[in-house]
Amino acid sequence: MAVTRRLRLLVIFLATVRIGACSLLLKDTERKPRMIYPHLAVKRNAEHYSSFKDPSYGRVGLKNSAQKICLLVEMKGRLVLHRVGATTYDDKEYIDDIPDLAVSNNAAISGHCSPEDDRNKDAELYIEWLSERNRNFTYRLALQFTANKTKQKTTGLDEWRWELYDVSLELKHLNHSIVGVGKKKAEINAPILQSFICKDSMNVTLVGRNGSTPMNVTLQLAKNMKIQPFGVLSAGGYGITYMCKKTRDRSLVESLRGQTTVVMGVILGIASVGVIMGYGTKRQFFPNQQTYQVFQ
């Protein structure tokens, strides 16, 4: 009896040790992903971001859990569909307007900002809307921003700059979904604490991913677009304005053209005054050379 009792106690002890070891193994397994991917763990436990619309200024954006604005966008545009799957629109222009984000109830905004103390600076803005032209179409436009240190070409010093490094469009039609990505990077970038503005229209070509369903869509962004995904002022306003290259080049040409017009006007004015003064001087010193014809 005593031996049997001891055997039972030994079995219970071994079972308890085994269960405890398994529990420790499971806990250790649960911790490993957090150690291997600390930045993903931060993203999972990140604060909640909510969208907002400001019709008075025509802008939309995101707020963090403290209701501080962390991303601002003023954007209007349209989609020009050339090909979606097996459907080709080459013979006619198929245009779908992006609704006015600041006032339309047909557009939903979502995304996340970059925590101020996060070294991996990235932000995303998602815009989803139902097509007003074809109620079977639902669009989801994704704008992904990142910030990195780059060397200035003029000074060679390091500078933090942000850029729109990826644009993608998901088109949902009934039970099908087609995704297009930017054919090349859009020239939308600025120093980290500055806002980007373009007073000219910009086009982004979206094509299907390799091996996916074909897509060829042009995203036409209207002029006066303004974006700031990082470093929004504490009062919720834009930082210093950074003008897009297209607008800077056009402004330079217009400025040079205006300066050329002014210079030519000055030259013509001086030449005219010189001719008048020369003619007057000639009449004063050579009066006898002036002949007049009298008409009867």
C-alpha atoms as a PDB file:
ATOM      1  CA  MET A   1       0.000   0.000   0.000  1.00  0.00           C
ATOM      2  CA  ALA A   2       2.814   2.360   0.948  1.00  0.00           C
ATOM      3  CA  VAL A   3       4.657   1.601  -2.308  1.00  0.00           C
ATOM      4  CA  THR A   4       1.516   2.227  -4.370  1.00  0.00           C
ATOM      5  CA  ARG A   5       0.936   5.522  -2.635  1.00  0.00           C
ATOM      6  CA  ARG A   6       4.518   6.608  -3.300  1.00  0.00           C
ATOM      7  CA  LEU A   7       4.165   5.703  -6.973  1.00  0.00           C
ATOM      8  CA  ARG A   8       1.011   7.780  -7.241  1.00  0.00           C
ATOM      9  CA  LEU A   9       2.715  10.778  -5.628  1.00  0.00           C
ATOM     10  CA  LEU A  10       5.667  10.385  -7.992  1.00  0.00           C
ATOM     11  CA  VAL A  11       3.358  10.294 -11.051  1.00  0.00           C
ATOM     12  CA  ILE A  12       1.505  13.402  -9.838  1.00  0.00           C
ATOM     13  CA  PHE A  13       4.807  15.213  -9.230  1.00  0.00           C
ATOM     14  CA  LEU A  14       6.143  14.378 -12.698  1.00  0.00           C
ATOM     15  CA  ALA A  15       2.870  15.480 -14.330  1.00  0.00           C
ATOM     16  CA  THR A  16       2.995  18.793 -12.451  1.00  0.00           C
ATOM     17  CA  VAL A  17       6.595  19.422 -13.525  1.00  0.00           C
ATOM     18  CA  ARG A  18       5.713  18.654 -17.151  1.00  0.00           C
ATOM     19  CA  ILE A  19       2.735  21.016 -17.158  1.00  0.00           C
ATOM     20  CA  GLY A  20       4.860  23.767 -15.594  1.00  0.00           C
ATOM     21  CA  ALA A  21       7.572  23.304 -18.199  1.00  0.00           C
ATOM     22  CA  CYS A  22       5.024  23.456 -21.020  1.00  0.00           C
ATOM     23  CA  SER A  23       3.569  26.668 -19.565  1.00  0.00           C
ATOM     24  CA  LEU A  24       6.998  28.278 -19.384  1.00  0.00           C
ATOM     25  CA  LEU A  25       7.715  27.198 -22.963  1.00  0.00           C
ATOM     26  CA  LEU A  26       4.465  28.709 -24.192  1.00  0.00           C
ATOM     27  CA  LYS A  27       5.129  31.986 -22.362  1.00  0.00           C
ATOM     28  CA  ASP A  28       8.629  32.123 -23.801  1.00  0.00           C
ATOM     29  CA  THR A  29       7.232  31.452 -27.265  1.00  0.00           C
ATOM     30  CA  GLU A  30       4.754  34.310 -26.847  1.00  0.00           C
ATOM     31  CA  ARG A  31       7.528  36.717 -25.864  1.00  0.00           C
ATOM     32  CA  LYS A  32       9.810  35.911 -28.786  1.00  0.00           C
ATOM     33  CA  PRO A  33       7.913  37.829 -31.510  1.00  0.00           C
ATOM     34  CA  ARG A  34       7.989  40.965 -29.358  1.00  0.00           C
ATOM     35  CA  MET A  35      11.747  40.650 -28.984  1.00  0.00           C
ATOM     36  CA  ILE A  36      12.352  39.885 -32.660  1.00  0.00           C
ATOM     37  CA  TYR A  37       9.967  42.527 -34.031  1.00  0.00           C
ATOM     38  CA  PRO A  38       9.884  45.361 -31.472  1.00  0.00           C
ATOM     39  CA  HIS A  39       8.723  47.937 -34.037  1.00  0.00           C
ATOM     40  CA  LEU A  40       5.764  45.732 -35.003  1.00  0.00           C
ATOM     41  CA  ALA A  41       4.887  45.355 -31.343  1.00  0.00           C
ATOM     42  CA  VAL A  42       4.839  49.136 -31.061  1.00  0.00           C
ATOM     43  CA  LYS A  43       2.532  49.330 -34.086  1.00  0.00           C
ATOM     44  CA  ARG A  44       0.146  46.750 -32.575  1.00  0.00           C
ATOM     45  CA  ASN A  45       0.007  48.601 -29.271  1.00  0.00           C
ATOM     46  CA  ALA A  46       0.018  52.047 -30.890  1.00  0.00           C
ATOM     47  CA  GLU A  47      -2.572  54.594 -29.942  1.00  0.00           C
ATOM     48  CA  HIS A  48      -5.815  54.853 -31.835  1.00  0.00           C
ATOM     49  CA  TYR A  49      -6.003  57.361 -34.687  1.00  0.00           C
ATOM     50  CA  SER A  50      -9.243  58.959 -35.783  1.00  0.00           C
ATOM     51  CA  SER A  51     -10.051  60.900 -38.929  1.00  0.00           C
ATOM     52  CA  PHE A  52     -11.503  64.397 -39.136  1.00  0.00           C
ATOM     53  CA  LYS A  53     -12.908  66.702 -41.802  1.00  0.00           C
ATOM     54  CA  ASP A  54     -12.580  70.481 -41.829  1.00  0.00           C
ATOM     55  CA  PRO A  55     -14.936  71.940 -44.499  1.00  0.00           C
ATOM     56  CA  SER A  56     -14.034  75.540 -43.624  1.00  0.00           C
ATOM     57  CA  TYR A  57     -10.444  75.004 -44.827  1.00  0.00           C
ATOM     58  CA  GLY A  58     -11.152  72.147 -47.230  1.00  0.00           C
ATOM     59  CA  ARG A  59      -8.803  69.752 -45.468  1.00  0.00           C
ATOM     60  CA  VAL A  60      -8.915  66.305 -43.886  1.00  0.00           C
ATOM     61  CA  GLY A  61      -6.495  64.353 -41.743  1.00  0.00           C
ATOM     62  CA  LEU A  62      -5.824  62.234 -38.697  1.00  0.00           C
ATOM     63  CA  LYS A  63      -5.765  62.851 -34.946  1.00  0.00           C
ATOM     64  CA  ASN A  64      -4.073  60.786 -32.255  1.00  0.00           C
ATOM     65  CA  SER A  65      -5.730  59.612 -29.040  1.00  0.00           C
ATOM     66  CA  ALA A  66      -4.928  62.989 -27.443  1.00  0.00           C
ATOM     67  CA  GLN A  67      -6.937  64.673 -30.243  1.00  0.00           C
ATOM     68  CA  LYS A  68      -3.794  66.283 -31.619  1.00  0.00           C
ATOM     69  CA  ILE A  69      -3.684  66.631 -35.407  1.00  0.00           C
ATOM     70  CA  CYS A  70      -0.789  64.578 -36.765  1.00  0.00           C
ATOM     71  CA  LEU A  71      -1.507  64.460 -40.530  1.00  0.00           C
ATOM     72  CA  LEU A  72      -3.043  67.047 -42.867  1.00  0.00           C
ATOM     73  CA  VAL A  73      -4.158  66.801 -46.496  1.00  0.00           C
ATOM     74  CA  GLU A  74      -5.900  69.100 -48.956  1.00  0.00           C
ATOM     75  CA  MET A  75      -6.447  67.168 -52.155  1.00  0.00           C
ATOM     76  CA  LYS A  76      -8.841  67.005 -55.073  1.00  0.00           C
ATOM     77  CA  GLY A  77      -8.594  64.914 -58.181  1.00  0.00           C
ATOM     78  CA  ARG A  78     -10.035  62.257 -60.431  1.00  0.00           C
ATOM     79  CA  LEU A  79      -9.301  58.831 -61.854  1.00  0.00           C
ATOM     80  CA  VAL A  80      -8.958  58.267 -65.591  1.00  0.00           C
ATOM     81  CA  LEU A  81      -9.480  54.583 -66.363  1.00  0.00           C
ATOM     82  CA  HIS A  82      -7.678  53.216 -69.433  1.00  0.00           C
ATOM     83  CA  ARG A  83      -7.840  49.513 -68.628  1.00  0.00           C
ATOM     84  CA  VAL A  84      -9.234  47.504 -65.727  1.00  0.00           C
ATOM     85  CA  GLY A  85      -8.952  43.742 -66.095  1.00  0.00           C
ATOM     86  CA  ALA A  86     -10.353  42.660 -69.433  1.00  0.00           C
ATOM     87  CA  THR A  87     -12.160  45.985 -69.948  1.00  0.00           C
ATOM     88  CA  THR A  88     -10.357  48.577 -72.065  1.00  0.00           C
ATOM     89  CA  TYR A  89     -11.414  52.232 -72.255  1.00  0.00           C
ATOM     90  CA  ASP A  90      -8.981  53.330 -74.993  1.00  0.00           C
ATOM     91  CA  ASP A  91     -11.753  54.355 -77.372  1.00  0.00           C
ATOM     92  CA  LYS A  92     -13.348  56.695 -74.841  1.00  0.00           C
ATOM     93  CA  GLU A  93     -12.311  58.538 -71.709  1.00  0.00           C
ATOM     94  CA  TYR A  94     -13.760  56.990 -68.556  1.00  0.00           C
ATOM     95  CA  ILE A  95     -13.425  59.477 -65.698  1.00  0.00           C
ATOM     96  CA  ASP A  96     -14.378  58.957 -62.072  1.00  0.00           C
ATOM     97  CA  ASP A  97     -14.082  61.996 -59.811  1.00  0.00           C
ATOM     98  CA  ILE A  98     -12.743  61.714 -56.288  1.00  0.00           C
ATOM     99  CA  PRO A  99     -15.427  63.233 -54.035  1.00  0.00           C
ATOM    100  CA  ASP A 100     -14.681  66.378 -52.066  1.00  0.00           C
ATOM    101  CA  LEU A 101     -13.060  64.768 -49.038  1.00  0.00           C
ATOM    102  CA  ALA A 102     -13.798  67.626 -46.651  1.00  0.00           C
ATOM    103  CA  VAL A 103     -17.568  67.716 -47.198  1.00  0.00           C
ATOM    104  CA  SER A 104     -18.657  64.456 -48.830  1.00  0.00           C
ATOM    105  CA  ASN A 105     -20.329  61.733 -46.778  1.00  0.00           C
ATOM    106  CA  ASN A 106     -19.369  59.303 -49.523  1.00  0.00           C
ATOM    107  CA  ALA A 107     -15.675  59.253 -48.540  1.00  0.00           C
ATOM    108  CA  ALA A 108     -14.141  57.535 -45.508  1.00  0.00           C
ATOM    109  CA  ILE A 109     -10.707  58.470 -44.133  1.00  0.00           C
ATOM    110  CA  SER A 110      -8.449  56.238 -42.031  1.00  0.00           C
ATOM    111  CA  GLY A 111      -4.770  55.530 -41.403  1.00  0.00           C
ATOM    112  CA  HIS A 112      -2.053  56.086 -38.841  1.00  0.00           C
ATOM    113  CA  CYS A 113       0.597  58.657 -38.004  1.00  0.00           C
ATOM    114  CA  SER A 114       4.191  58.228 -36.925  1.00  0.00           C
ATOM    115  CA  PRO A 115       4.841  58.489 -33.164  1.00  0.00           C
ATOM    116  CA  GLU A 116       7.197  61.369 -32.429  1.00  0.00           C
ATOM    117  CA  ASP A 117       9.691  59.070 -30.675  1.00  0.00           C
ATOM    118  CA  ASP A 118       9.566  56.355 -33.365  1.00  0.00           C
ATOM    119  CA  ARG A 119      12.793  55.974 -35.320  1.00  0.00           C
ATOM    120  CA  ASN A 120      11.004  54.167 -38.154  1.00  0.00           C
ATOM    121  CA  LYS A 121       9.046  57.178 -39.336  1.00  0.00           C
ATOM    122  CA  ASP A 122       6.149  56.216 -41.576  1.00  0.00           C
ATOM    123  CA  ALA A 123       2.545  57.258 -41.973  1.00  0.00           C
ATOM    124  CA  GLU A 124      -0.376  56.046 -44.056  1.00  0.00           C
ATOM    125  CA  LEU A 125      -3.605  57.608 -45.241  1.00  0.00           C
ATOM    126  CA  TYR A 126      -6.445  55.572 -46.731  1.00  0.00           C
ATOM    127  CA  ILE A 127      -9.306  57.113 -48.694  1.00  0.00           C
ATOM    128  CA  GLU A 128     -12.252  54.905 -49.592  1.00  0.00           C
ATOM    129  CA  TRP A 129     -15.306  55.940 -51.572  1.00  0.00           C
ATOM    130  CA  LEU A 130     -18.161  54.588 -53.646  1.00  0.00           C
ATOM    131  CA  SER A 131     -18.122  55.602 -57.301  1.00  0.00           C
ATOM    132  CA  GLU A 132     -20.861  58.068 -58.184  1.00  0.00           C
ATOM    133  CA  ARG A 133     -20.680  57.027 -61.825  1.00  0.00           C
ATOM    134  CA  ASN A 134     -20.818  53.270 -61.312  1.00  0.00           C
ATOM    135  CA  ARG A 135     -22.331  52.106 -58.031  1.00  0.00           C
ATOM    136  CA  ASN A 136     -20.688  48.701 -58.487  1.00  0.00           C
ATOM    137  CA  PHE A 137     -17.240  50.310 -58.144  1.00  0.00           C
ATOM    138  CA  THR A 138     -15.609  50.989 -54.770  1.00  0.00           C
ATOM    139  CA  TYR A 139     -12.176  52.619 -54.647  1.00  0.00           C
ATOM    140  CA  ARG A 140      -9.564  52.535 -51.906  1.00  0.00           C
ATOM    141  CA  LEU A 141      -6.612  54.884 -52.400  1.00  0.00           C
ATOM    142  CA  ALA A 142      -3.598  54.345 -50.132  1.00  0.00           C
ATOM    143  CA  LEU A 143      -0.908  57.012 -49.642  1.00  0.00           C
ATOM    144  CA  GLN A 144       2.177  55.789 -47.798  1.00  0.00           C
ATOM    145  CA  PHE A 145       4.763  58.228 -46.466  1.00  0.00           C
ATOM    146  CA  THR A 146       8.225  57.687 -45.043  1.00  0.00           C
ATOM    147  CA  ALA A 147      11.041  59.895 -43.731  1.00  0.00           C
ATOM    148  CA  ASN A 148      14.783  59.348 -44.036  1.00  0.00           C
ATOM    149  CA  LYS A 149      18.055  61.173 -43.702  1.00  0.00           C
ATOM    150  CA  THR A 150      19.461  62.385 -47.005  1.00  0.00           C
ATOM    151  CA  LYS A 151      22.520  64.420 -47.939  1.00  0.00           C
ATOM    152  CA  GLN A 152      21.941  67.879 -49.348  1.00  0.00           C
ATOM    153  CA  LYS A 153      23.473  68.324 -52.793  1.00  0.00           C
ATOM    154  CA  THR A 154      24.646  71.868 -52.082  1.00  0.00           C
ATOM    155  CA  THR A 155      26.072  71.569 -48.548  1.00  0.00           C
ATOM    156  CA  GLY A 156      26.581  67.812 -48.180  1.00  0.00           C
ATOM    157  CA  LEU A 157      24.925  67.928 -44.743  1.00  0.00           C
ATOM    158  CA  ASP A 158      22.385  65.361 -43.541  1.00  0.00           C
ATOM    159  CA  GLU A 159      18.759  66.443 -43.670  1.00  0.00           C
ATOM    160  CA  TRP A 160      15.572  64.683 -42.623  1.00  0.00           C
ATOM    161  CA  ARG A 161      13.075  64.640 -45.509  1.00  0.00           C
ATOM    162  CA  TRP A 162       9.740  62.927 -45.976  1.00  0.00           C
ATOM    163  CA  GLU A 163       8.343  61.592 -49.233  1.00  0.00           C
ATOM    164  CA  LEU A 164       5.312  59.886 -50.683  1.00  0.00           C
ATOM    165  CA  TYR A 165       7.052  56.601 -51.464  1.00  0.00           C
ATOM    166  CA  ASP A 166       4.077  54.501 -52.524  1.00  0.00           C
ATOM    167  CA  VAL A 167       0.626  55.043 -54.015  1.00  0.00           C
ATOM    168  CA  SER A 168      -1.788  52.180 -54.539  1.00  0.00           C
ATOM    169  CA  LEU A 169      -5.380  51.902 -55.688  1.00  0.00           C
ATOM    170  CA  GLU A 170      -7.733  49.024 -54.976  1.00  0.00           C
ATOM    171  CA  LEU A 171     -10.802  48.783 -57.173  1.00  0.00           C
ATOM    172  CA  LYS A 172     -13.567  46.539 -55.895  1.00  0.00           C
ATOM    173  CA  HIS A 173     -16.170  45.415 -58.417  1.00  0.00           C
ATOM    174  CA  LEU A 174     -18.859  43.129 -57.035  1.00  0.00           C
ATOM    175  CA  ASN A 175     -16.886  40.171 -55.651  1.00  0.00           C
ATOM    176  CA  HIS A 176     -13.653  40.976 -57.482  1.00  0.00           C
ATOM    177  CA  SER A 177     -10.759  43.162 -56.371  1.00  0.00           C
ATOM    178  CA  ILE A 178      -7.992  44.666 -58.541  1.00  0.00           C
ATOM    179  CA  VAL A 179      -4.945  46.467 -57.131  1.00  0.00           C
ATOM    180  CA  GLY A 180      -2.761  48.956 -58.971  1.00  0.00           C
ATOM    181  CA  VAL A 181       0.479  50.540 -57.752  1.00  0.00           C
ATOM    182  CA  GLY A 182       2.413  53.613 -58.796  1.00  0.00           C
ATOM    183  CA  LYS A 183       4.537  53.034 -61.887  1.00  0.00           C
ATOM    184  CA  LYS A 184       7.164  55.362 -60.424  1.00  0.00           C
ATOM    185  CA  LYS A 185       7.515  57.554 -57.363  1.00  0.00           C
ATOM    186  CA  ALA A 186       5.528  60.746 -57.358  1.00  0.00           C
ATOM    187  CA  GLU A 187       7.671  63.849 -56.841  1.00  0.00           C
ATOM    188  CA  ILE A 188       5.981  64.681 -53.547  1.00  0.00           C
ATOM    189  CA  ASN A 189       8.534  65.355 -50.814  1.00  0.00           C
ATOM    190  CA  ALA A 190       9.700  68.063 -48.415  1.00  0.00           C
ATOM    191  CA  PRO A 191      11.897  68.647 -45.353  1.00  0.00           C
ATOM    192  CA  ILE A 192      10.527  66.786 -42.335  1.00  0.00           C
ATOM    193  CA  LEU A 193       8.838  69.757 -40.613  1.00  0.00           C
ATOM    194  CA  GLN A 194       7.516  71.400 -43.775  1.00  0.00           C
ATOM    195  CA  SER A 195       4.333  71.016 -45.793  1.00  0.00           C
ATOM    196  CA  PHE A 196       4.294  70.209 -49.507  1.00  0.00           C
ATOM    197  CA  ILE A 197       2.230  72.358 -51.851  1.00  0.00           C
ATOM    198  CA  CYS A 198       1.848  72.254 -55.616  1.00  0.00           C
ATOM    199  CA  LYS A 199       0.031  74.963 -57.547  1.00  0.00           C
ATOM    200  CA  ASP A 200       0.095  72.818 -60.678  1.00  0.00           C
ATOM    201  CA  SER A 201      -1.700  69.553 -61.425  1.00  0.00           C
ATOM    202  CA  MET A 202       0.187  66.267 -61.060  1.00  0.00           C
ATOM    203  CA  ASN A 203      -0.379  62.822 -62.607  1.00  0.00           C
ATOM    204  CA  VAL A 204       0.407  59.412 -61.095  1.00  0.00           C
ATOM    205  CA  THR A 205       0.188  56.331 -63.331  1.00  0.00           C
ATOM    206  CA  LEU A 206      -1.138  53.214 -61.568  1.00  0.00           C
ATOM    207  CA  VAL A 207      -0.533  49.782 -63.084  1.00  0.00           C
ATOM    208  CA  GLY A 208      -1.273  46.229 -61.971  1.00  0.00           C
ATOM    209  CA  ARG A 209       1.297  44.377 -59.897  1.00  0.00           C
ATOM    210  CA  ASN A 210       3.478  41.820 -61.668  1.00  0.00           C
ATOM    211  CA  GLY A 211       1.418  38.727 -62.414  1.00  0.00           C
ATOM    212  CA  SER A 212      -1.813  40.301 -61.191  1.00  0.00           C
ATOM    213  CA  THR A 213      -4.889  41.427 -63.100  1.00  0.00           C
ATOM    214  CA  PRO A 214      -3.964  44.171 -65.613  1.00  0.00           C
ATOM    215  CA  MET A 215      -4.704  47.760 -64.650  1.00  0.00           C
ATOM    216  CA  ASN A 216      -3.864  51.103 -66.195  1.00  0.00           C
ATOM    217  CA  VAL A 217      -5.312  54.097 -64.364  1.00  0.00           C
ATOM    218  CA  THR A 218      -4.130  57.711 -64.179  1.00  0.00           C
ATOM    219  CA  LEU A 219      -4.581  59.509 -60.875  1.00  0.00           C
ATOM    220  CA  GLN A 220      -4.892  63.196 -61.747  1.00  0.00           C
ATOM    221  CA  LEU A 221      -4.274  65.428 -58.728  1.00  0.00           C
ATOM    222  CA  ALA A 222      -5.691  68.937 -59.081  1.00  0.00           C
ATOM    223  CA  LYS A 223      -3.611  72.062 -58.478  1.00  0.00           C
ATOM    224  CA  ASN A 224      -3.243  73.583 -54.991  1.00  0.00           C
ATOM    225  CA  MET A 225      -2.690  70.189 -53.367  1.00  0.00           C
ATOM    226  CA  LYS A 226      -1.204  70.462 -49.863  1.00  0.00           C
ATOM    227  CA  ILE A 227       0.150  67.645 -47.669  1.00  0.00           C
ATOM    228  CA  GLN A 228       1.965  67.353 -44.341  1.00  0.00           C
ATOM    229  CA  PRO A 229       2.294  63.822 -42.885  1.00  0.00           C
ATOM    230  CA  PHE A 230       4.910  64.701 -40.234  1.00  0.00           C
ATOM    231  CA  GLY A 231       5.621  67.604 -37.895  1.00  0.00           C
ATOM    232  CA  VAL A 232       2.172  69.222 -37.882  1.00  0.00           C
ATOM    233  CA  LEU A 233       2.208  72.322 -35.681  1.00  0.00           C
ATOM    234  CA  SER A 234       0.847  71.978 -32.141  1.00  0.00           C
ATOM    235  CA  ALA A 235      -2.013  74.317 -33.050  1.00  0.00           C
ATOM    236  CA  GLY A 236      -3.017  71.952 -35.866  1.00  0.00           C
ATOM    237  CA  GLY A 237      -1.634  74.017 -38.733  1.00  0.00           C
ATOM    238  CA  TYR A 238       0.779  73.487 -41.584  1.00  0.00           C
ATOM    239  CA  GLY A 239       4.489  74.145 -41.214  1.00  0.00           C
ATOM    240  CA  ILE A 240       6.649  76.164 -43.587  1.00  0.00           C
ATOM    241  CA  THR A 241       5.584  75.689 -47.202  1.00  0.00           C
ATOM    242  CA  TYR A 242       7.811  73.732 -49.592  1.00  0.00           C
ATOM    243  CA  MET A 243       6.873  74.332 -53.234  1.00  0.00           C
ATOM    244  CA  CYS A 244       6.862  71.452 -55.712  1.00  0.00           C
ATOM    245  CA  LYS A 245       9.471  71.396 -58.482  1.00  0.00           C
ATOM    246  CA  LYS A 246       6.901  71.886 -61.243  1.00  0.00           C
ATOM    247  CA  THR A 247       5.607  75.102 -59.685  1.00  0.00           C
ATOM    248  CA  ARG A 248       9.126  76.351 -58.887  1.00  0.00           C
ATOM    249  CA  ASP A 249      10.220  75.821 -62.496  1.00  0.00           C
ATOM    250  CA  ARG A 250       7.120  77.540 -63.872  1.00  0.00           C
ATOM    251  CA  SER A 251       7.521  80.465 -61.459  1.00  0.00           C
ATOM    252  CA  LEU A 252      11.165  80.838 -62.492  1.00  0.00           C
ATOM    253  CA  VAL A 253      10.261  80.923 -66.194  1.00  0.00           C
ATOM    254  CA  GLU A 254       7.505  83.465 -65.570  1.00  0.00           C
ATOM    255  CA  SER A 255       9.854  85.577 -63.462  1.00  0.00           C
ATOM    256  CA  LEU A 256      12.556  85.534 -66.135  1.00  0.00           C
ATOM    257  CA  ARG A 257       9.962  86.343 -68.773  1.00  0.00           C
ATOM    258  CA  GLY A 258       8.727  89.281 -66.715  1.00  0.00           C
ATOM    259  CA  GLN A 259      12.256  90.536 -66.067  1.00  0.00           C
ATOM    260  CA  THR A 260      13.057  90.261 -69.782  1.00  0.00           C
ATOM    261  CA  THR A 261       9.975  92.336 -70.618  1.00  0.00           C
ATOM    262  CA  VAL A 262      11.009  95.026 -68.125  1.00  0.00           C
ATOM    263  CA  VAL A 263      14.591  95.133 -69.442  1.00  0.00           C
ATOM    264  CA  MET A 264      13.415  95.407 -73.047  1.00  0.00           C
ATOM    265  CA  GLY A 265      11.035  98.195 -72.059  1.00  0.00           C
ATOM    266  CA  VAL A 266      13.856 100.100 -70.347  1.00  0.00           C
ATOM    267  CA  ILE A 267      16.116  99.663 -73.373  1.00  0.00           C
ATOM    268  CA  LEU A 268      13.419 100.895 -75.756  1.00  0.00           C
ATOM    269  CA  GLY A 269      12.693 103.846 -73.464  1.00  0.00           C
ATOM    270  CA  ILE A 270      16.369 104.855 -73.327  1.00  0.00           C
ATOM    271  CA  ALA A 271      16.657 104.462 -77.110  1.00  0.00           C
ATOM    272  CA  SER A 272      13.586 106.655 -77.671  1.00  0.00           C
ATOM    273  CA  VAL A 273      14.896 109.389 -75.359  1.00  0.00           C
ATOM    274  CA  GLY A 274      18.276 109.219 -77.110  1.00  0.00           C
ATOM    275  CA  VAL A 275      16.667 109.675 -80.540  1.00  0.00           C
ATOM    276  CA  ILE A 276      14.604 112.645 -79.361  1.00  0.00           C
ATOM    277  CA  MET A 277      17.600 114.323 -77.686  1.00  0.00           C
ATOM    278  CA  GLY A 278      19.780 113.724 -80.752  1.00  0.00           C
ATOM    279  CA  TYR A 279      17.177 115.223 -83.059  1.00  0.00           C
ATOM    280  CA  GLY A 280      16.784 118.299 -80.835  1.00  0.00           C
ATOM    281  CA  THR A 281      20.553 118.808 -80.628  1.00  0.00           C
ATOM    282  CA  LYS A 282      20.895 118.556 -84.380  1.00  0.00           C
ATOM    283  CA  ARG A 283      18.232 121.242 -84.964  1.00  0.00           C
ATOM    284  CA  GLN A 284      19.915 123.560 -82.472  1.00  0.00           C
ATOM    285  CA  PHE A 285      23.429 123.358 -83.946  1.00  0.00           C
ATOM    286  CA  PHE A 286      22.524 123.033 -87.621  1.00  0.00           C
ATOM    287  CA  PRO A 287      19.455 125.255 -88.139  1.00  0.00           C
ATOM    288  CA  ASN A 288      20.301 126.137 -91.795  1.00  0.00           C
ATOM    289  CA  GLN A 289      20.179 122.532 -92.847  1.00  0.00           C
ATOM    290  CA  GLN A 290      16.505 122.312 -92.027  1.00  0.00           C
ATOM    291  CA  THR A 291      14.461 122.806 -95.220  1.00  0.00           C
ATOM    292  CA  TYR A 292      10.744 123.198 -95.330  1.00  0.00           C
ATOM    293  CA  GLN A 293       8.340 123.019 -98.235  1.00  0.00           C
ATOM    294  CA  VAL A 294       5.598 125.621 -98.341  1.00  0.00           C
ATOM    295  CA  PHE A 295       2.291 124.476 -99.712  1.00  0.00           C
ATOM    296  CA  GLN A 296       0.176 127.024-101.538  1.00  0.00           C
END
